[in-house]
Protein backbone atom coordinates (compact mmCIF):
# COMPACT_ATOMS: atom_id res chain seq x y z
CA UNK A 1 0.00 0.00 0.00
CA UNK A 2 1.10 3.54 -0.62
CA UNK A 3 1.32 5.21 2.75
CA UNK A 4 2.47 8.63 1.54
CA UNK A 5 -0.79 9.38 -0.32
CA UNK A 6 -4.38 9.26 0.95
CA UNK A 7 -6.69 6.60 -0.45
CA UNK A 8 -9.24 7.87 -2.99
CA UNK A 9 -12.80 8.36 -1.70
CA UNK A 10 -14.81 5.21 -2.49
CA UNK A 11 -18.28 4.37 -1.20
CA UNK A 12 -18.02 0.62 -1.84
CA UNK A 13 -17.73 -1.66 1.18
CA UNK A 14 -14.71 -3.48 -0.26
CA UNK A 15 -12.39 -2.39 -3.06
CA UNK A 16 -8.80 -2.46 -4.30
CA UNK A 17 -6.67 -0.40 -6.70
CA UNK A 18 -3.91 -2.42 -8.34
CA UNK A 19 -0.80 -1.25 -10.17
CA UNK A 20 -1.25 -2.81 -13.59
CA UNK A 21 2.51 -3.14 -14.15
CA UNK A 22 3.61 -4.62 -10.82
CA UNK A 23 0.28 -6.26 -9.89
CA UNK A 24 0.67 -4.79 -6.39
CA UNK A 25 -2.15 -3.28 -4.35
CA UNK A 26 -1.83 0.50 -4.09
CA UNK A 27 -4.93 1.14 -2.00
CA UNK A 28 -7.71 -1.00 -0.66
CA UNK A 29 -10.36 -1.66 1.92
CA UNK A 30 -11.22 -5.21 2.94
CA UNK A 31 -9.47 -6.25 -0.28
CA UNK A 32 -8.56 -9.71 1.05
CA UNK A 33 -12.05 -10.60 2.28
CA UNK A 34 -13.96 -13.15 0.21
CA UNK A 35 -17.05 -11.51 -1.31
CA UNK A 36 -19.73 -12.09 -3.92
CA UNK A 37 -18.83 -11.06 -7.47
CA UNK A 38 -19.76 -7.46 -8.30
CA UNK A 39 -22.09 -6.74 -11.18
CA UNK A 40 -20.66 -8.61 -14.15
CA UNK A 41 -22.06 -5.93 -16.46
CA UNK A 42 -20.00 -3.26 -14.70
CA UNK A 43 -16.90 -5.44 -14.72
CA UNK A 44 -17.24 -6.27 -18.40
CA UNK A 45 -17.81 -2.59 -19.26
CA UNK A 46 -14.62 -1.63 -17.43
CA UNK A 47 -12.69 -4.45 -19.10
CA UNK A 48 -13.98 -3.33 -22.51
CA UNK A 49 -12.99 0.31 -21.90
CA UNK A 50 -9.48 -0.70 -20.81
CA UNK A 51 -9.06 -3.07 -23.76
CA UNK A 52 -10.17 -0.48 -26.33
CA UNK A 53 -8.05 2.25 -24.72
CA UNK A 54 -5.05 -0.06 -24.75
CA UNK A 55 -5.49 -1.16 -28.38
CA UNK A 56 -6.05 2.44 -29.59
CA UNK A 57 -3.25 3.82 -27.39
CA UNK A 58 -5.67 6.19 -25.63
CA UNK A 59 -4.38 7.80 -22.45
CA UNK A 60 -7.00 7.19 -19.75
CA UNK A 61 -6.40 10.74 -18.45
CA UNK A 62 -7.68 12.18 -21.75
CA UNK A 63 -11.28 13.47 -21.56
CA UNK A 64 -13.61 11.69 -23.98
CA UNK A 65 -16.88 13.16 -25.28
CA UNK A 66 -19.67 10.58 -25.33
CA UNK A 67 -22.43 11.27 -27.84
PDB file of N, CA and C in Angstrom:
ATOM      1  N   UNK A   1       0.836  -1.184   0.000  1.00  0.00           N
ATOM      2  CA  UNK A   1       0.000   0.000   0.000  1.00  0.00           C
ATOM      3  C   UNK A   1       0.881   1.247   0.000  1.00  0.00           C
ATOM      4  N   UNK A   2       0.393   2.268  -0.640  1.00  0.00           N
ATOM      5  CA  UNK A   2       1.099   3.543  -0.619  1.00  0.00           C
ATOM      6  C   UNK A   2       0.703   4.300   0.632  1.00  0.00           C
ATOM      7  N   UNK A   3       1.646   4.542   1.487  1.00  0.00           N
ATOM      8  CA  UNK A   3       1.324   5.211   2.752  1.00  0.00           C
ATOM      9  C   UNK A   3       1.529   6.719   2.673  1.00  0.00           C
ATOM     10  N   UNK A   4       2.201   7.204   1.629  1.00  0.00           N
ATOM     11  CA  UNK A   4       2.470   8.631   1.536  1.00  0.00           C
ATOM     12  C   UNK A   4       1.361   9.409   0.840  1.00  0.00           C
ATOM     13  N   UNK A   5       0.338   8.722   0.340  1.00  0.00           N
ATOM     14  CA  UNK A   5      -0.794   9.382  -0.323  1.00  0.00           C
ATOM     15  C   UNK A   5      -2.087   8.863   0.284  1.00  0.00           C
ATOM     16  N   UNK A   6      -3.097   9.734   0.412  1.00  0.00           N
ATOM     17  CA  UNK A   6      -4.376   9.257   0.949  1.00  0.00           C
ATOM     18  C   UNK A   6      -5.110   8.382  -0.072  1.00  0.00           C
ATOM     19  N   UNK A   7      -5.888   7.453   0.423  1.00  0.00           N
ATOM     20  CA  UNK A   7      -6.693   6.603  -0.452  1.00  0.00           C
ATOM     21  C   UNK A   7      -7.781   7.451  -1.102  1.00  0.00           C
ATOM     22  N   UNK A   8      -8.174   7.117  -2.334  1.00  0.00           N
ATOM     23  CA  UNK A   8      -9.242   7.871  -2.987  1.00  0.00           C
ATOM     24  C   UNK A   8     -10.572   7.616  -2.280  1.00  0.00           C
ATOM     25  N   UNK A   9     -11.502   8.580  -2.333  1.00  0.00           N
ATOM     26  CA  UNK A   9     -12.801   8.361  -1.701  1.00  0.00           C
ATOM     27  C   UNK A   9     -13.624   7.343  -2.502  1.00  0.00           C
ATOM     28  N   UNK A  10     -14.025   6.274  -1.845  1.00  0.00           N
ATOM     29  CA  UNK A  10     -14.806   5.209  -2.491  1.00  0.00           C
ATOM     30  C   UNK A  10     -15.923   4.815  -1.543  1.00  0.00           C
ATOM     31  N   UNK A  11     -17.148   4.714  -2.061  1.00  0.00           N
ATOM     32  CA  UNK A  11     -18.285   4.375  -1.203  1.00  0.00           C
ATOM     33  C   UNK A  11     -18.521   2.873  -1.082  1.00  0.00           C
ATOM     34  N   UNK A  12     -17.836   2.074  -1.879  1.00  0.00           N
ATOM     35  CA  UNK A  12     -18.021   0.623  -1.835  1.00  0.00           C
ATOM     36  C   UNK A  12     -17.520   0.053  -0.512  1.00  0.00           C
ATOM     37  N   UNK A  13     -18.141  -1.021  -0.065  1.00  0.00           N
ATOM     38  CA  UNK A  13     -17.734  -1.660   1.177  1.00  0.00           C
ATOM     39  C   UNK A  13     -16.315  -2.230   1.078  1.00  0.00           C
ATOM     40  N   UNK A  14     -16.035  -2.895  -0.045  1.00  0.00           N
ATOM     41  CA  UNK A  14     -14.710  -3.479  -0.259  1.00  0.00           C
ATOM     42  C   UNK A  14     -14.239  -3.100  -1.650  1.00  0.00           C
ATOM     43  N   UNK A  15     -12.948  -2.784  -1.774  1.00  0.00           N
ATOM     44  CA  UNK A  15     -12.391  -2.391  -3.059  1.00  0.00           C
ATOM     45  C   UNK A  15     -10.875  -2.488  -3.019  1.00  0.00           C
ATOM     46  N   UNK A  16     -10.262  -2.450  -4.204  1.00  0.00           N
ATOM     47  CA  UNK A  16      -8.804  -2.456  -4.298  1.00  0.00           C
ATOM     48  C   UNK A  16      -8.391  -1.745  -5.584  1.00  0.00           C
ATOM     49  N   UNK A  17      -7.282  -1.022  -5.530  1.00  0.00           N
ATOM     50  CA  UNK A  17      -6.675  -0.402  -6.705  1.00  0.00           C
ATOM     51  C   UNK A  17      -5.322  -1.076  -6.887  1.00  0.00           C
ATOM     52  N   UNK A  18      -5.140  -1.696  -8.063  1.00  0.00           N
ATOM     53  CA  UNK A  18      -3.906  -2.423  -8.345  1.00  0.00           C
ATOM     54  C   UNK A  18      -3.047  -1.663  -9.337  1.00  0.00           C
ATOM     55  N   UNK A  19      -1.737  -1.766  -9.181  1.00  0.00           N
ATOM     56  CA  UNK A  19      -0.797  -1.252 -10.169  1.00  0.00           C
ATOM     57  C   UNK A  19      -0.755  -2.283 -11.281  1.00  0.00           C
ATOM     58  N   UNK A  20      -1.144  -1.882 -12.471  1.00  0.00           N
ATOM     59  CA  UNK A  20      -1.246  -2.814 -13.595  1.00  0.00           C
ATOM     60  C   UNK A  20       0.115  -3.413 -13.967  1.00  0.00           C
ATOM     61  N   UNK A  21       1.176  -2.669 -13.783  1.00  0.00           N
ATOM     62  CA  UNK A  21       2.508  -3.141 -14.151  1.00  0.00           C
ATOM     63  C   UNK A  21       3.064  -4.142 -13.141  1.00  0.00           C
ATOM     64  N   UNK A  22       3.010  -3.779 -11.862  1.00  0.00           N
ATOM     65  CA  UNK A  22       3.607  -4.621 -10.822  1.00  0.00           C
ATOM     66  C   UNK A  22       2.628  -5.612 -10.211  1.00  0.00           C
ATOM     67  N   UNK A  23       1.345  -5.425 -10.465  1.00  0.00           N
ATOM     68  CA  UNK A  23       0.277  -6.264  -9.893  1.00  0.00           C
ATOM     69  C   UNK A  23       0.203  -6.132  -8.370  1.00  0.00           C
ATOM     70  N   UNK A  24       0.704  -5.025  -7.831  1.00  0.00           N
ATOM     71  CA  UNK A  24       0.671  -4.794  -6.386  1.00  0.00           C
ATOM     72  C   UNK A  24      -0.489  -3.878  -6.019  1.00  0.00           C
ATOM     73  N   UNK A  25      -1.060  -4.122  -4.843  1.00  0.00           N
ATOM     74  CA  UNK A  25      -2.150  -3.285  -4.353  1.00  0.00           C
ATOM     75  C   UNK A  25      -1.606  -1.925  -3.940  1.00  0.00           C
ATOM     76  N   UNK A  26      -2.225  -0.856  -4.457  1.00  0.00           N
ATOM     77  CA  UNK A  26      -1.830   0.495  -4.089  1.00  0.00           C
ATOM     78  C   UNK A  26      -2.689   1.002  -2.936  1.00  0.00           C
ATOM     79  N   UNK A  27      -3.965   0.753  -3.016  1.00  0.00           N
ATOM     80  CA  UNK A  27      -4.930   1.142  -1.995  1.00  0.00           C
ATOM     81  C   UNK A  27      -5.957   0.030  -1.882  1.00  0.00           C
ATOM     82  N   UNK A  28      -6.645  -0.023  -0.773  1.00  0.00           N
ATOM     83  CA  UNK A  28      -7.714  -0.999  -0.659  1.00  0.00           C
ATOM     84  C   UNK A  28      -8.422  -0.925   0.668  1.00  0.00           C
ATOM     85  N   UNK A  29      -9.570  -1.543   0.696  1.00  0.00           N
ATOM     86  CA  UNK A  29     -10.361  -1.656   1.920  1.00  0.00           C
ATOM     87  C   UNK A  29     -11.014  -3.026   1.893  1.00  0.00           C
ATOM     88  N   UNK A  30     -10.714  -3.836   2.866  1.00  0.00           N
ATOM     89  CA  UNK A  30     -11.218  -5.211   2.942  1.00  0.00           C
ATOM     90  C   UNK A  30     -10.933  -5.968   1.645  1.00  0.00           C
ATOM     91  N   UNK A  31      -9.791  -5.668   1.016  1.00  0.00           N
ATOM     92  CA  UNK A  31      -9.473  -6.251  -0.282  1.00  0.00           C
ATOM     93  C   UNK A  31      -9.158  -7.741  -0.228  1.00  0.00           C
ATOM     94  N   UNK A  32      -8.869  -8.274   0.943  1.00  0.00           N
ATOM     95  CA  UNK A  32      -8.558  -9.707   1.045  1.00  0.00           C
ATOM     96  C   UNK A  32      -9.740 -10.539   1.531  1.00  0.00           C
ATOM     97  N   UNK A  33     -10.849  -9.880   1.853  1.00  0.00           N
ATOM     98  CA  UNK A  33     -12.047 -10.602   2.281  1.00  0.00           C
ATOM     99  C   UNK A  33     -12.721 -11.252   1.082  1.00  0.00           C
ATOM    100  N   UNK A  34     -13.234 -12.451   1.271  1.00  0.00           N
ATOM    101  CA  UNK A  34     -13.964 -13.146   0.213  1.00  0.00           C
ATOM    102  C   UNK A  34     -15.357 -12.541   0.104  1.00  0.00           C
ATOM    103  N   UNK A  35     -15.769 -12.175  -1.110  1.00  0.00           N
ATOM    104  CA  UNK A  35     -17.047 -11.514  -1.310  1.00  0.00           C
ATOM    105  C   UNK A  35     -17.730 -12.061  -2.556  1.00  0.00           C
ATOM    106  N   UNK A  36     -18.997 -11.752  -2.698  1.00  0.00           N
ATOM    107  CA  UNK A  36     -19.733 -12.087  -3.918  1.00  0.00           C
ATOM    108  C   UNK A  36     -19.175 -11.261  -5.072  1.00  0.00           C
ATOM    109  N   UNK A  37     -19.295 -11.772  -6.294  1.00  0.00           N
ATOM    110  CA  UNK A  37     -18.830 -11.058  -7.473  1.00  0.00           C
ATOM    111  C   UNK A  37     -19.676  -9.805  -7.663  1.00  0.00           C
ATOM    112  N   UNK A  38     -19.037  -8.700  -8.002  1.00  0.00           N
ATOM    113  CA  UNK A  38     -19.758  -7.461  -8.300  1.00  0.00           C
ATOM    114  C   UNK A  38     -20.535  -7.648  -9.596  1.00  0.00           C
ATOM    115  N   UNK A  39     -21.309  -6.672  -9.953  1.00  0.00           N
ATOM    116  CA  UNK A  39     -22.090  -6.743 -11.179  1.00  0.00           C
ATOM    117  C   UNK A  39     -21.191  -7.083 -12.364  1.00  0.00           C
ATOM    118  N   UNK A  40     -21.477  -8.192 -13.009  1.00  0.00           N
ATOM    119  CA  UNK A  40     -20.664  -8.606 -14.148  1.00  0.00           C
ATOM    120  C   UNK A  40     -20.770  -7.619 -15.302  1.00  0.00           C
ATOM    121  N   UNK A  41     -21.907  -6.942 -15.412  1.00  0.00           N
ATOM    122  CA  UNK A  41     -22.056  -5.932 -16.461  1.00  0.00           C
ATOM    123  C   UNK A  41     -21.074  -4.796 -16.239  1.00  0.00           C
ATOM    124  N   UNK A  42     -20.944  -4.341 -14.995  1.00  0.00           N
ATOM    125  CA  UNK A  42     -19.999  -3.257 -14.697  1.00  0.00           C
ATOM    126  C   UNK A  42     -18.562  -3.713 -14.944  1.00  0.00           C
ATOM    127  N   UNK A  43     -18.247  -4.927 -14.523  1.00  0.00           N
ATOM    128  CA  UNK A  43     -16.895  -5.441 -14.716  1.00  0.00           C
ATOM    129  C   UNK A  43     -16.556  -5.586 -16.201  1.00  0.00           C
ATOM    130  N   UNK A  44     -17.489  -6.095 -16.973  1.00  0.00           N
ATOM    131  CA  UNK A  44     -17.244  -6.272 -18.402  1.00  0.00           C
ATOM    132  C   UNK A  44     -17.129  -4.922 -19.106  1.00  0.00           C
ATOM    133  N   UNK A  45     -17.919  -3.934 -18.684  1.00  0.00           N
ATOM    134  CA  UNK A  45     -17.811  -2.592 -19.255  1.00  0.00           C
ATOM    135  C   UNK A  45     -16.427  -2.016 -18.987  1.00  0.00           C
ATOM    136  N   UNK A  46     -15.948  -2.133 -17.773  1.00  0.00           N
ATOM    137  CA  UNK A  46     -14.624  -1.628 -17.429  1.00  0.00           C
ATOM    138  C   UNK A  46     -13.543  -2.358 -18.225  1.00  0.00           C
ATOM    139  N   UNK A  47     -13.657  -3.662 -18.330  1.00  0.00           N
ATOM    140  CA  UNK A  47     -12.694  -4.447 -19.104  1.00  0.00           C
ATOM    141  C   UNK A  47     -12.686  -3.992 -20.561  1.00  0.00           C
ATOM    142  N   UNK A  48     -13.865  -3.764 -21.124  1.00  0.00           N
ATOM    143  CA  UNK A  48     -13.976  -3.325 -22.514  1.00  0.00           C
ATOM    144  C   UNK A  48     -13.327  -1.966 -22.722  1.00  0.00           C
ATOM    145  N   UNK A  49     -13.590  -1.029 -21.809  1.00  0.00           N
ATOM    146  CA  UNK A  49     -12.988   0.307 -21.900  1.00  0.00           C
ATOM    147  C   UNK A  49     -11.470   0.205 -21.856  1.00  0.00           C
ATOM    148  N   UNK A  50     -10.930  -0.551 -20.913  1.00  0.00           N
ATOM    149  CA  UNK A  50      -9.479  -0.700 -20.813  1.00  0.00           C
ATOM    150  C   UNK A  50      -8.896  -1.369 -22.053  1.00  0.00           C
ATOM    151  N   UNK A  51      -9.564  -2.376 -22.577  1.00  0.00           N
ATOM    152  CA  UNK A  51      -9.065  -3.075 -23.765  1.00  0.00           C
ATOM    153  C   UNK A  51      -9.032  -2.157 -24.981  1.00  0.00           C
ATOM    154  N   UNK A  52     -10.111  -1.395 -25.186  1.00  0.00           N
ATOM    155  CA  UNK A  52     -10.166  -0.478 -26.334  1.00  0.00           C
ATOM    156  C   UNK A  52      -9.132   0.629 -26.169  1.00  0.00           C
ATOM    157  N   UNK A  53      -9.034   1.189 -24.967  1.00  0.00           N
ATOM    158  CA  UNK A  53      -8.051   2.250 -24.721  1.00  0.00           C
ATOM    159  C   UNK A  53      -6.641   1.741 -24.972  1.00  0.00           C
ATOM    160  N   UNK A  54      -6.372   0.523 -24.547  1.00  0.00           N
ATOM    161  CA  UNK A  54      -5.046  -0.055 -24.751  1.00  0.00           C
ATOM    162  C   UNK A  54      -4.765  -0.286 -26.231  1.00  0.00           C
ATOM    163  N   UNK A  55      -5.718  -0.855 -26.962  1.00  0.00           N
ATOM    164  CA  UNK A  55      -5.491  -1.155 -28.381  1.00  0.00           C
ATOM    165  C   UNK A  55      -5.403   0.111 -29.232  1.00  0.00           C
ATOM    166  N   UNK A  56      -6.099   1.183 -28.841  1.00  0.00           N
ATOM    167  CA  UNK A  56      -6.055   2.442 -29.591  1.00  0.00           C
ATOM    168  C   UNK A  56      -5.030   3.422 -29.032  1.00  0.00           C
ATOM    169  N   UNK A  57      -4.281   2.978 -28.030  1.00  0.00           N
ATOM    170  CA  UNK A  57      -3.249   3.816 -27.393  1.00  0.00           C
ATOM    171  C   UNK A  57      -3.839   5.124 -26.855  1.00  0.00           C
ATOM    172  N   UNK A  58      -5.001   5.032 -26.215  1.00  0.00           N
ATOM    173  CA  UNK A  58      -5.666   6.188 -25.625  1.00  0.00           C
ATOM    174  C   UNK A  58      -5.219   6.329 -24.181  1.00  0.00           C
ATOM    175  N   UNK A  59      -4.759   7.517 -23.829  1.00  0.00           N
ATOM    176  CA  UNK A  59      -4.379   7.805 -22.453  1.00  0.00           C
ATOM    177  C   UNK A  59      -5.663   7.928 -21.629  1.00  0.00           C
ATOM    178  N   UNK A  60      -5.773   7.179 -20.548  1.00  0.00           N
ATOM    179  CA  UNK A  60      -7.000   7.192 -19.745  1.00  0.00           C
ATOM    180  C   UNK A  60      -7.222   8.523 -19.022  1.00  0.00           C
ATOM    181  N   UNK A  61      -6.239   9.409 -19.041  1.00  0.00           N
ATOM    182  CA  UNK A  61      -6.397  10.740 -18.455  1.00  0.00           C
ATOM    183  C   UNK A  61      -7.027  11.721 -19.454  1.00  0.00           C
ATOM    184  N   UNK A  62      -7.127  11.320 -20.719  1.00  0.00           N
ATOM    185  CA  UNK A  62      -7.683  12.182 -21.751  1.00  0.00           C
ATOM    186  C   UNK A  62      -9.202  12.201 -21.667  1.00  0.00           C
ATOM    187  N   UNK A  63      -9.811  13.409 -21.571  1.00  0.00           N
ATOM    188  CA  UNK A  63     -11.279  13.473 -21.560  1.00  0.00           C
ATOM    189  C   UNK A  63     -11.843  12.960 -22.883  1.00  0.00           C
ATOM    190  N   UNK A  64     -12.960  12.239 -22.806  1.00  0.00           N
ATOM    191  CA  UNK A  64     -13.610  11.688 -23.981  1.00  0.00           C
ATOM    192  C   UNK A  64     -15.051  12.170 -24.004  1.00  0.00           C
ATOM    193  N   UNK A  65     -15.490  12.696 -25.139  1.00  0.00           N
ATOM    194  CA  UNK A  65     -16.875  13.158 -25.280  1.00  0.00           C
ATOM    195  C   UNK A  65     -17.731  11.988 -25.747  1.00  0.00           C
ATOM    196  N   UNK A  66     -18.762  11.666 -24.999  1.00  0.00           N
ATOM    197  CA  UNK A  66     -19.670  10.575 -25.333  1.00  0.00           C
ATOM    198  C   UNK A  66     -20.918  11.180 -25.944  1.00  0.00           C
ATOM    199  N   UNK A  67     -21.254  10.736 -27.136  1.00  0.00           N
ATOM    200  CA  UNK A  67     -22.427  11.273 -27.842  1.00  0.00           C
ATOM    201  C   UNK A  67     -23.618  10.384 -27.679  1.00  0.00           C
TER     202      UNK A  67
END
